[in-house]
Amino acid sequence: MDFSAKTGSAATLRTDCAVVGVYANGRLSQAAREIDAVAGNLISGLVKRGDFTGKAGATLLLHGPSGIPAKRLLLTGLGEQGKLDLKGWRKAHGAAVSALLKTAAKNAFSFLSMEDVADGEPYLLARHAAEAAEETAYRFDELKSKIDATPARLGRMTLWFPDRKSQSAAARGFTHGKAVADGQSLARRLGNLPGNICTPTFLASEARRLAAGNAGLKVSVVEEAQMKKLGMNALLSVSQGSRQPPKLIVMEWRGGPKQKAPVALVGKGITFDTGGISLKPPPAMDEMKFDMCGAASVIGTMATVVALELPINVVALVPAAENMPDGLASRPGDIVTTMSGQTVEILNTDAEGRLILCDALTYARRFEPSTVIDVATLTGACVIALGHHLSGLMSSDDPLAQEILRAGVDAEDRAWRLPIGEEYDEGLKSNFADFANVAGREGGAITAACFLARFTRDLKWAHLDIAGTAWKSGRAKGATGRPVPLLAQFLMSRAGVA
């Protein structure tokens, strides 16, 4: 979808569809009032009859409205006047796009950007408009034998901005938003692909495909034989029950000064998780194809970095493996020596994500990173703690934690900080190894982070548990692409471009 910024009158503009806002209790926006005045009180009449209340996210499409040149008129609910913030504005814009995609409109002009939005300067309005539009338009139907023969026609969205200065800022916002949305869509696609297609080898090929034609992006893959030489026995303990060979995918973007230490992103890539010998229950096990969404989000973020050519150095590491209950699979009670030299007693083979991450985190040290952020669908405990709205953030570095939280707020992809410390770490004690891979049920998301913290001492490190936010279940089942917006915002802020 293409995006542009222009000015004009809602009452006189020619477009396939004019999009205007209505507040709760029927209060008309400025653009709605302009149209109402020349269209015989069309909108106010609908409101008085109770046909449209302005409820946040509600829409009503009118065909061939009289008095204006627009072919269609889309009323969009904005909620209570004076309380419209970026989150609410983005919701309204997404609802408008959803309604437009059900029509034959090829273009639309939205006047929602005329409204007073808290912290809604032109750059942010445009960026969130692009992200919301692309997120709404996303479809995953590539594996269906029959798909809709009439794809959505909407190809251009224009937003109203009053002058050249605001239009220039909006153009920049559209560029950034489109790049973030494209990265998020890539992450969603990788997450939605089934485990028989999206294997560790497939993920490696997708990373290489992203690097093709992009001289600034270098991709290399650490294969199984090399992992053995490096002593990555924790990662190998997870993959040894599968016929799919593991991969450690390394993506390097050198957009900043050569001497500048990179940011390292590490994404959990369990392409399918049966739980291994500690087998998961059958209901909803199909959703364990989403256990590589940390990897997908890291690859998607790198796509955004490449598209924007960010002036920053970034290294993405994706440990990828399949967790299966083969005769060679790890057993509860097995002890492995990690790449760091520390030994781990595997009490639960379904706590495998931390095992592949710990060796990848150790490997990340060779890049001497300034910051390390790992991203993983790590624990069901995080879903219990935070539900499906916020990602869990754990870090012993307060400034880094605050930086990530701020990025989440700016990107409307929020995280919530959970504690981490010695009192939680005590639960990982083992009688037979340096420590175990699980503690008790209490504080499971936190003790998982404590496990990873043992491999990141003296590093500026943070852990994002996205088990509750990486995908949706039920009728809306599918990957969300989170936290690509958060990670992209973090890197854009570090690079000084947003």
Protein backbone atom coordinates (compact mmCIF):
# COMPACT_ATOMS: atom_id res chain seq x y z
CA MET A 1 0.00 0.00 0.00
CA ASP A 2 1.24 3.49 -0.86
CA PHE A 3 0.85 6.41 1.52
CA SER A 4 0.92 10.17 0.94
CA ALA A 5 0.16 13.43 2.74
CA LYS A 6 -1.92 16.28 1.27
CA THR A 7 -4.29 19.02 2.30
CA GLY A 8 -7.80 19.79 1.03
CA SER A 9 -11.44 20.17 1.97
CA ALA A 10 -13.44 17.12 2.95
CA ALA A 11 -16.47 18.61 1.19
CA THR A 12 -14.82 19.15 -2.20
CA LEU A 13 -12.17 16.41 -2.50
CA ARG A 14 -12.49 13.77 -5.22
CA THR A 15 -11.65 10.32 -3.92
CA ASP A 16 -13.00 6.79 -3.92
CA CYS A 17 -13.71 7.19 -0.22
CA ALA A 18 -13.51 10.03 2.29
CA VAL A 19 -12.84 8.93 5.86
CA VAL A 20 -14.09 11.22 8.63
CA GLY A 21 -14.40 10.87 12.37
CA VAL A 22 -17.35 11.04 14.73
CA TYR A 23 -16.92 11.23 18.49
CA ALA A 24 -19.00 9.46 21.10
CA ASN A 25 -22.45 10.94 21.76
CA GLY A 26 -22.56 12.06 18.13
CA ARG A 27 -20.14 14.96 18.17
CA LEU A 28 -18.89 15.53 14.65
CA SER A 29 -15.26 16.13 13.76
CA GLN A 30 -14.33 19.18 11.70
CA ALA A 31 -14.22 17.18 8.47
CA ALA A 32 -17.57 15.56 9.29
CA ARG A 33 -19.10 19.00 9.89
CA GLU A 34 -17.77 20.25 6.52
CA ILE A 35 -19.44 17.37 4.70
CA ASP A 36 -22.61 17.58 6.78
CA ALA A 37 -23.07 21.22 5.80
CA VAL A 38 -23.17 20.44 2.05
CA ALA A 39 -24.77 17.00 2.23
CA GLY A 40 -28.11 17.94 3.72
CA ASN A 41 -27.20 17.06 7.32
CA LEU A 42 -26.50 13.50 6.24
CA ILE A 43 -24.15 12.68 9.09
CA SER A 44 -25.92 14.55 11.87
CA GLY A 45 -29.19 12.93 10.76
CA LEU A 46 -27.67 9.46 11.11
CA VAL A 47 -26.40 10.36 14.54
CA LYS A 48 -29.74 11.77 15.70
CA ARG A 49 -31.52 8.60 14.60
CA GLY A 50 -29.00 6.52 16.57
CA ASP A 51 -27.56 4.83 13.51
CA PHE A 52 -24.03 5.84 14.46
CA THR A 53 -22.81 6.63 17.98
CA GLY A 54 -19.12 7.33 17.45
CA LYS A 55 -18.07 4.38 19.58
CA ALA A 56 -14.30 3.88 19.33
CA GLY A 57 -13.46 1.63 16.39
CA ALA A 58 -16.99 1.53 14.94
CA THR A 59 -17.46 2.24 11.22
CA LEU A 60 -20.36 2.98 8.87
CA LEU A 61 -19.93 3.06 5.09
CA LEU A 62 -22.18 5.26 2.96
CA HIS A 63 -22.30 4.83 -0.82
CA GLY A 64 -22.76 7.74 -3.22
CA PRO A 65 -23.27 10.47 -0.62
CA SER A 66 -25.03 13.47 -2.11
CA GLY A 67 -23.45 16.91 -2.16
CA ILE A 68 -19.80 15.78 -2.25
CA PRO A 69 -17.61 14.37 -5.06
CA ALA A 70 -16.33 11.43 -2.99
CA LYS A 71 -17.80 8.13 -4.20
CA ARG A 72 -18.09 6.80 -0.66
CA LEU A 73 -18.09 8.20 2.85
CA LEU A 74 -16.75 6.20 5.77
CA LEU A 75 -17.71 7.31 9.27
CA THR A 76 -15.24 6.16 11.91
CA GLY A 77 -15.82 6.22 15.66
CA LEU A 78 -13.22 8.08 17.72
CA GLY A 79 -14.61 7.58 21.21
CA GLU A 80 -14.89 10.33 23.79
CA GLN A 81 -13.75 13.74 22.55
CA GLY A 82 -10.70 15.12 24.34
CA LYS A 83 -9.42 11.64 25.24
CA LEU A 84 -8.09 10.52 21.86
CA ASP A 85 -4.52 9.26 22.17
CA LEU A 86 -2.20 7.51 19.71
CA LYS A 87 -3.46 4.08 20.72
CA GLY A 88 -7.08 5.09 20.15
CA TRP A 89 -6.26 6.92 16.94
CA ARG A 90 -4.38 3.90 15.61
CA LYS A 91 -7.34 1.68 16.50
CA ALA A 92 -9.68 4.00 14.60
CA HIS A 93 -7.40 4.11 11.57
CA GLY A 94 -7.06 0.32 11.53
CA ALA A 95 -10.86 -0.05 11.73
CA ALA A 96 -11.24 2.33 8.79
CA VAL A 97 -8.77 0.35 6.70
CA SER A 98 -10.54 -2.90 7.59
CA ALA A 99 -13.82 -1.44 6.32
CA LEU A 100 -12.18 -0.07 3.17
CA LEU A 101 -10.67 -3.43 2.30
CA LYS A 102 -14.21 -4.84 2.01
CA THR A 103 -15.04 -2.35 -0.75
CA ALA A 104 -13.86 -1.82 -4.33
CA ALA A 105 -12.21 1.47 -3.42
CA LYS A 106 -8.76 1.80 -4.96
CA ASN A 107 -7.83 4.88 -2.95
CA ALA A 108 -9.03 6.73 0.11
CA PHE A 109 -8.46 10.10 1.76
CA SER A 110 -8.48 10.04 5.55
CA PHE A 111 -9.27 13.19 7.51
CA LEU A 112 -8.73 11.45 10.86
CA SER A 113 -5.33 13.13 11.05
CA MET A 114 -7.11 16.49 11.47
CA GLU A 115 -8.09 15.53 15.00
CA ASP A 116 -6.37 16.51 18.22
CA VAL A 117 -4.44 13.43 19.31
CA ALA A 118 -2.37 13.36 22.51
CA ASP A 119 1.31 13.32 21.46
CA GLY A 120 0.08 13.04 17.88
CA GLU A 121 2.59 15.05 15.91
CA PRO A 122 2.59 14.44 12.11
CA TYR A 123 5.50 11.98 12.05
CA LEU A 124 3.88 9.67 14.60
CA LEU A 125 0.40 9.90 13.08
CA ALA A 126 1.76 8.94 9.69
CA ARG A 127 3.96 6.19 11.02
CA HIS A 128 1.19 4.57 13.03
CA ALA A 129 -1.21 4.97 10.11
CA ALA A 130 1.13 3.01 7.85
CA GLU A 131 1.77 0.33 10.48
CA ALA A 132 -1.93 -0.06 11.33
CA ALA A 133 -2.93 -0.21 7.66
CA GLU A 134 -0.37 -2.87 6.77
CA GLU A 135 -1.13 -4.87 9.90
CA THR A 136 -4.85 -4.82 9.04
CA ALA A 137 -4.27 -5.72 5.39
CA TYR A 138 -2.01 -8.68 6.19
CA ARG A 139 -3.28 -12.07 5.03
CA PHE A 140 -1.74 -15.53 5.19
CA ASP A 141 -3.26 -17.68 2.48
CA GLU A 142 -0.23 -18.91 0.54
CA LEU A 143 -0.85 -22.53 1.56
CA LYS A 144 -4.53 -22.64 0.61
CA SER A 145 -5.50 -24.40 -2.62
CA LYS A 146 -8.26 -21.87 -3.22
CA ILE A 147 -7.95 -18.23 -2.28
CA ASP A 148 -10.09 -15.16 -2.84
CA ALA A 149 -9.82 -14.40 -6.54
CA THR A 150 -10.47 -10.71 -5.92
CA PRO A 151 -7.67 -9.39 -3.73
CA ALA A 152 -8.17 -6.14 -1.83
CA ARG A 153 -8.12 -3.23 -4.26
CA LEU A 154 -7.09 -0.50 -1.84
CA GLY A 155 -3.67 0.61 -3.06
CA ARG A 156 -3.28 4.19 -1.82
CA MET A 157 -4.07 5.95 1.42
CA THR A 158 -3.76 9.73 1.68
CA LEU A 159 -3.84 11.50 5.01
CA TRP A 160 -4.69 15.14 5.55
CA PHE A 161 -1.91 17.41 6.81
CA PRO A 162 -2.15 21.23 6.66
CA ASP A 163 1.21 22.40 5.27
CA ARG A 164 4.51 21.41 3.71
CA LYS A 165 6.32 21.10 7.03
CA SER A 166 3.82 18.64 8.47
CA GLN A 167 3.59 16.83 5.13
CA SER A 168 7.36 16.38 5.07
CA ALA A 169 7.33 14.97 8.61
CA ALA A 170 4.46 12.70 7.63
CA ALA A 171 6.35 11.43 4.57
CA ARG A 172 9.18 10.40 6.87
CA GLY A 173 6.69 8.71 9.17
CA PHE A 174 5.18 6.77 6.28
CA THR A 175 8.63 5.53 5.25
CA HIS A 176 9.50 4.37 8.74
CA GLY A 177 6.08 2.87 9.38
CA LYS A 178 6.08 0.94 6.12
CA ALA A 179 9.53 -0.50 6.89
CA VAL A 180 8.45 -1.55 10.39
CA ALA A 181 5.23 -3.04 9.04
CA ASP A 182 7.06 -4.98 6.34
CA GLY A 183 9.41 -6.42 8.97
CA GLN A 184 6.43 -7.32 11.13
CA SER A 185 4.69 -8.98 8.18
CA LEU A 186 7.80 -11.07 7.50
CA ALA A 187 7.85 -12.16 11.13
CA ARG A 188 4.16 -13.05 10.95
CA ARG A 189 4.66 -15.11 7.79
CA LEU A 190 7.56 -17.07 9.27
CA GLY A 191 5.54 -17.68 12.43
CA ASN A 192 2.45 -18.80 10.54
CA LEU A 193 4.29 -21.32 8.36
CA PRO A 194 3.92 -24.90 9.64
CA GLY A 195 6.77 -26.86 11.17
CA ASN A 196 7.07 -29.17 8.15
CA ILE A 197 8.00 -26.13 6.02
CA CYS A 198 9.59 -23.70 8.44
CA THR A 199 12.48 -25.85 9.63
CA PRO A 200 15.85 -24.59 10.92
CA THR A 201 17.20 -25.02 7.38
CA PHE A 202 14.30 -22.98 5.98
CA LEU A 203 14.95 -20.17 8.46
CA ALA A 204 18.58 -20.09 7.36
CA SER A 205 17.54 -19.87 3.71
CA GLU A 206 15.15 -17.01 4.52
CA ALA A 207 17.94 -15.11 6.24
CA ARG A 208 20.17 -15.63 3.21
CA ARG A 209 17.36 -14.49 0.92
CA LEU A 210 17.07 -11.27 2.91
CA ALA A 211 20.80 -10.68 2.48
CA ALA A 212 20.71 -11.27 -1.28
CA GLY A 213 21.27 -7.95 -3.01
CA ASN A 214 21.96 -6.14 0.28
CA ALA A 215 25.71 -5.61 0.47
CA GLY A 216 25.41 -4.24 4.00
CA LEU A 217 23.94 -7.45 5.39
CA LYS A 218 26.15 -10.48 5.90
CA VAL A 219 24.66 -13.87 6.77
CA SER A 220 26.57 -16.93 7.91
CA VAL A 221 25.37 -20.20 9.44
CA VAL A 222 27.06 -22.27 12.12
CA GLU A 223 26.35 -25.90 11.27
CA GLU A 224 26.05 -28.91 13.57
CA ALA A 225 29.63 -30.10 13.14
CA GLN A 226 30.98 -26.68 14.07
CA MET A 227 28.62 -26.49 17.05
CA LYS A 228 30.17 -29.69 18.38
CA LYS A 229 33.66 -28.21 18.05
CA LEU A 230 32.51 -25.05 19.83
CA GLY A 231 31.01 -27.06 22.69
CA MET A 232 27.42 -25.95 22.13
CA ASN A 233 26.14 -29.01 23.92
CA ALA A 234 23.08 -27.31 25.38
CA LEU A 235 21.79 -26.37 21.94
CA LEU A 236 22.70 -29.79 20.57
CA SER A 237 20.90 -31.53 23.43
CA VAL A 238 17.65 -30.04 22.16
CA SER A 239 18.12 -30.92 18.48
CA GLN A 240 19.48 -34.44 18.96
CA GLY A 241 16.00 -35.99 19.01
CA SER A 242 15.11 -34.50 15.63
CA ARG A 243 15.98 -35.41 12.06
CA GLN A 244 16.20 -31.69 11.32
CA PRO A 245 19.77 -30.43 11.78
CA PRO A 246 20.17 -27.38 14.02
CA LYS A 247 21.41 -24.04 12.75
CA LEU A 248 22.90 -20.98 14.38
CA ILE A 249 22.06 -18.18 11.97
CA VAL A 250 24.26 -15.08 12.21
CA MET A 251 23.13 -11.85 10.54
CA GLU A 252 25.49 -8.85 10.62
CA TRP A 253 24.52 -5.32 9.65
CA ARG A 254 27.33 -2.80 9.69
CA GLY A 255 25.62 0.54 9.16
CA GLY A 256 27.53 2.44 11.83
CA PRO A 257 31.18 3.30 12.40
CA LYS A 258 33.45 0.24 12.25
CA GLN A 259 34.76 0.81 15.77
CA LYS A 260 31.26 1.07 17.24
CA ALA A 261 30.19 -2.01 19.21
CA PRO A 262 27.03 -3.62 17.82
CA VAL A 263 23.69 -4.29 19.41
CA ALA A 264 23.13 -8.06 19.54
CA LEU A 265 19.64 -9.50 19.12
CA VAL A 266 19.17 -13.17 19.95
CA GLY A 267 15.92 -14.88 18.92
CA LYS A 268 14.71 -18.29 20.05
CA GLY A 269 14.07 -20.47 17.01
CA ILE A 270 12.36 -23.69 18.10
CA THR A 271 10.61 -24.43 14.82
CA PHE A 272 8.37 -26.99 16.51
CA ASP A 273 8.20 -27.89 20.17
CA THR A 274 6.67 -31.18 21.24
CA GLY A 275 8.26 -30.79 24.67
CA GLY A 276 10.62 -33.67 23.90
CA ILE A 277 10.49 -36.52 26.42
CA SER A 278 8.61 -34.15 28.74
CA LEU A 279 5.82 -34.32 26.16
CA LYS A 280 3.25 -31.55 25.98
CA PRO A 281 -0.47 -32.40 26.15
CA PRO A 282 -2.10 -32.75 22.69
CA PRO A 283 -4.63 -29.87 22.86
CA ALA A 284 -3.29 -26.81 21.02
CA MET A 285 0.07 -28.48 20.36
CA ASP A 286 -0.26 -27.26 16.78
CA GLU A 287 0.44 -23.78 18.14
CA MET A 288 3.94 -24.89 19.03
CA LYS A 289 4.91 -23.96 15.47
CA PHE A 290 4.88 -20.44 16.96
CA ASP A 291 7.74 -21.33 19.30
CA MET A 292 10.14 -19.77 16.80
CA CYS A 293 8.47 -16.35 16.92
CA GLY A 294 11.46 -14.91 18.78
CA ALA A 295 13.61 -15.88 15.81
CA ALA A 296 10.97 -14.57 13.39
CA SER A 297 10.85 -11.21 15.17
CA VAL A 298 14.63 -10.86 15.09
CA ILE A 299 14.74 -11.65 11.36
CA GLY A 300 11.83 -9.27 10.75
CA THR A 301 13.61 -6.54 12.69
CA MET A 302 16.70 -7.03 10.56
CA ALA A 303 14.51 -6.58 7.46
CA THR A 304 13.44 -3.21 8.86
CA VAL A 305 17.05 -2.27 9.63
CA VAL A 306 18.07 -3.10 6.06
CA ALA A 307 15.10 -1.29 4.49
CA LEU A 308 15.87 1.90 6.43
CA GLU A 309 19.65 1.46 6.12
CA LEU A 310 19.95 2.40 9.77
CA PRO A 311 23.29 3.98 10.73
CA ILE A 312 23.95 1.45 13.48
CA ASN A 313 25.75 -1.88 13.86
CA VAL A 314 23.47 -4.83 14.64
CA VAL A 315 24.17 -8.55 14.96
CA ALA A 316 21.24 -10.95 15.01
CA LEU A 317 21.73 -14.50 16.25
CA VAL A 318 19.08 -17.16 15.68
CA PRO A 319 19.65 -20.54 17.34
CA ALA A 320 17.23 -22.80 15.47
CA ALA A 321 16.28 -26.37 16.33
CA GLU A 322 13.34 -28.75 16.57
CA ASN A 323 12.42 -30.38 19.89
CA MET A 324 11.23 -33.96 19.29
CA PRO A 325 10.84 -37.14 21.42
CA ASP A 326 13.11 -39.45 19.42
CA GLY A 327 15.08 -42.35 20.88
CA LEU A 328 18.13 -40.08 20.87
CA ALA A 329 16.32 -37.23 22.60
CA SER A 330 17.61 -35.82 25.87
CA ARG A 331 16.18 -37.36 29.03
CA PRO A 332 15.17 -35.62 32.25
CA GLY A 333 18.24 -35.87 34.44
CA ASP A 334 20.78 -35.58 31.63
CA ILE A 335 23.65 -33.18 32.28
CA VAL A 336 25.27 -31.14 29.51
CA THR A 337 28.25 -28.82 29.39
CA THR A 338 27.37 -25.51 27.75
CA MET A 339 29.63 -23.49 25.47
CA SER A 340 30.42 -21.30 28.48
CA GLY A 341 31.79 -24.34 30.36
CA GLN A 342 28.98 -24.32 32.91
CA THR A 343 27.07 -27.57 33.40
CA VAL A 344 23.28 -27.86 33.36
CA GLU A 345 21.04 -30.62 34.67
CA ILE A 346 18.06 -30.96 32.32
CA LEU A 347 15.15 -31.61 34.66
CA ASN A 348 12.52 -30.80 32.03
CA THR A 349 13.11 -31.22 28.29
CA ASP A 350 10.22 -28.82 27.64
CA ALA A 351 12.36 -26.01 29.06
CA GLU A 352 14.43 -26.19 25.90
CA GLY A 353 14.34 -22.58 24.75
CA ARG A 354 16.76 -21.45 27.42
CA LEU A 355 19.12 -24.27 26.43
CA ILE A 356 19.49 -23.08 22.85
CA LEU A 357 19.61 -19.44 23.94
CA CYS A 358 22.39 -19.91 26.50
CA ASP A 359 24.87 -21.16 23.90
CA ALA A 360 23.82 -18.42 21.46
CA LEU A 361 24.31 -15.80 24.18
CA THR A 362 27.80 -17.15 24.82
CA TYR A 363 28.53 -17.08 21.09
CA ALA A 364 27.36 -13.43 20.98
CA ARG A 365 30.32 -12.43 23.15
CA ARG A 366 32.72 -12.79 20.22
CA PHE A 367 31.12 -9.70 18.67
CA GLU A 368 31.85 -7.65 21.82
CA PRO A 369 28.33 -6.18 21.79
CA SER A 370 27.37 -2.97 23.54
CA THR A 371 23.96 -4.42 24.34
CA VAL A 372 22.36 -7.86 24.16
CA ILE A 373 18.60 -8.43 23.94
CA ASP A 374 17.19 -11.93 23.69
CA VAL A 375 13.64 -12.51 22.50
CA ALA A 376 11.80 -15.75 23.20
CA THR A 377 8.42 -17.42 23.57
CA LEU A 378 9.96 -18.78 26.73
CA THR A 379 7.40 -19.52 29.43
CA GLY A 380 3.71 -20.12 29.93
CA ALA A 381 4.27 -18.48 33.31
CA CYS A 382 4.69 -15.12 31.56
CA VAL A 383 1.26 -15.56 29.96
CA ILE A 384 -0.23 -16.21 33.40
CA ALA A 385 1.51 -13.12 34.78
CA LEU A 386 0.81 -10.63 32.00
CA GLY A 387 -1.80 -12.16 29.72
CA HIS A 388 -1.61 -11.47 26.00
CA HIS A 389 -1.24 -7.69 26.06
CA LEU A 390 2.27 -7.00 27.33
CA SER A 391 5.60 -8.73 26.75
CA GLY A 392 7.64 -9.55 29.84
CA LEU A 393 10.91 -7.67 30.29
CA MET A 394 13.65 -8.75 32.68
CA SER A 395 17.05 -7.11 33.07
CA SER A 396 19.53 -6.30 35.79
CA ASP A 397 20.49 -3.12 33.91
CA ASP A 398 18.06 -0.34 34.86
CA PRO A 399 18.97 2.17 32.11
CA LEU A 400 18.65 -0.52 29.43
CA ALA A 401 15.32 -1.69 30.83
CA GLN A 402 13.97 1.86 30.79
CA GLU A 403 15.19 2.34 27.22
CA ILE A 404 13.34 -0.78 26.08
CA LEU A 405 10.17 0.17 27.96
CA ARG A 406 10.25 3.60 26.34
CA ALA A 407 10.65 2.05 22.90
CA GLY A 408 7.62 -0.14 23.58
CA VAL A 409 5.50 2.87 24.53
CA ASP A 410 6.59 4.84 21.45
CA ALA A 411 5.93 1.88 19.17
CA GLU A 412 2.61 0.90 20.81
CA ASP A 413 4.19 -2.50 21.43
CA ARG A 414 4.49 -2.43 25.17
CA ALA A 415 6.44 -4.49 27.65
CA TRP A 416 6.22 -4.73 31.45
CA ARG A 417 9.23 -5.16 33.66
CA LEU A 418 9.37 -8.12 36.03
CA PRO A 419 11.97 -8.49 38.79
CA ILE A 420 15.11 -10.58 38.63
CA GLY A 421 17.59 -11.36 41.40
CA GLU A 422 19.40 -13.81 43.66
CA GLU A 423 16.32 -14.75 45.64
CA TYR A 424 14.76 -16.17 42.46
CA ASP A 425 18.03 -17.66 41.22
CA GLU A 426 18.19 -19.93 44.29
CA GLY A 427 15.57 -22.19 42.77
CA LEU A 428 17.96 -23.35 40.01
CA LYS A 429 20.26 -25.19 42.40
CA SER A 430 21.21 -28.74 41.44
CA ASN A 431 22.83 -31.54 43.44
CA PHE A 432 24.53 -32.91 40.36
CA ALA A 433 25.44 -29.99 38.05
CA ASP A 434 26.25 -26.30 38.35
CA PHE A 435 22.53 -25.60 38.13
CA ALA A 436 19.28 -26.98 36.66
CA ASN A 437 17.33 -25.75 33.67
CA VAL A 438 14.14 -25.23 35.69
CA ALA A 439 13.12 -24.20 39.18
CA GLY A 440 9.69 -24.59 40.79
CA ARG A 441 6.35 -23.42 39.40
CA GLU A 442 6.44 -20.12 41.26
CA GLY A 443 7.81 -17.19 39.28
CA GLY A 444 8.62 -19.40 36.30
CA ALA A 445 9.17 -16.53 33.86
CA ILE A 446 11.60 -14.92 36.29
CA THR A 447 13.60 -18.04 37.09
CA ALA A 448 13.91 -18.69 33.35
CA ALA A 449 15.45 -15.23 33.02
CA CYS A 450 17.73 -16.03 35.97
CA PHE A 451 18.97 -19.05 34.03
CA LEU A 452 19.88 -16.84 31.05
CA ALA A 453 21.44 -14.26 33.34
CA ARG A 454 24.10 -16.83 34.28
CA PHE A 455 25.38 -16.57 30.71
CA THR A 456 25.25 -12.79 30.41
CA ARG A 457 27.18 -11.64 33.46
CA ASP A 458 29.17 -8.44 32.76
CA LEU A 459 27.01 -7.80 29.65
CA LYS A 460 24.35 -5.12 29.26
CA TRP A 461 21.57 -7.61 28.74
CA ALA A 462 17.79 -7.76 28.68
CA HIS A 463 15.35 -10.60 28.12
CA LEU A 464 11.95 -10.28 26.44
CA ASP A 465 9.49 -13.11 27.10
CA ILE A 466 6.91 -12.89 24.30
CA ALA A 467 5.00 -16.10 25.03
CA GLY A 468 1.81 -14.11 25.55
CA THR A 469 2.17 -11.62 22.71
CA ALA A 470 3.77 -13.51 19.81
CA TRP A 471 0.56 -15.11 18.55
CA LYS A 472 -3.19 -15.23 18.98
CA SER A 473 -5.39 -18.29 19.47
CA GLY A 474 -8.99 -19.00 18.61
CA ARG A 475 -10.68 -17.55 15.52
CA ALA A 476 -7.92 -14.97 15.15
CA LYS A 477 -5.20 -17.63 15.37
CA GLY A 478 -1.93 -16.45 13.91
CA ALA A 479 1.40 -14.80 14.60
CA THR A 480 1.35 -11.11 15.56
CA GLY A 481 4.87 -10.17 14.52
CA ARG A 482 5.53 -8.68 17.95
CA PRO A 483 7.90 -7.38 19.17
CA VAL A 484 9.25 -6.17 15.80
CA PRO A 485 7.83 -2.65 16.38
CA LEU A 486 9.47 -2.45 19.82
CA LEU A 487 12.85 -3.73 18.61
CA ALA A 488 12.78 -1.53 15.52
CA GLN A 489 11.99 1.54 17.64
CA PHE A 490 14.79 0.65 20.04
CA LEU A 491 17.30 0.50 17.18
CA MET A 492 15.92 3.59 15.44
CA SER A 493 16.24 5.54 18.67
CA ARG A 494 19.80 4.25 19.17
CA ALA A 495 20.58 5.28 15.59
CA GLY A 496 19.11 8.73 16.17
CA VAL A 497 16.53 8.57 13.38
CA ALA A 498 13.31 8.38 15.43
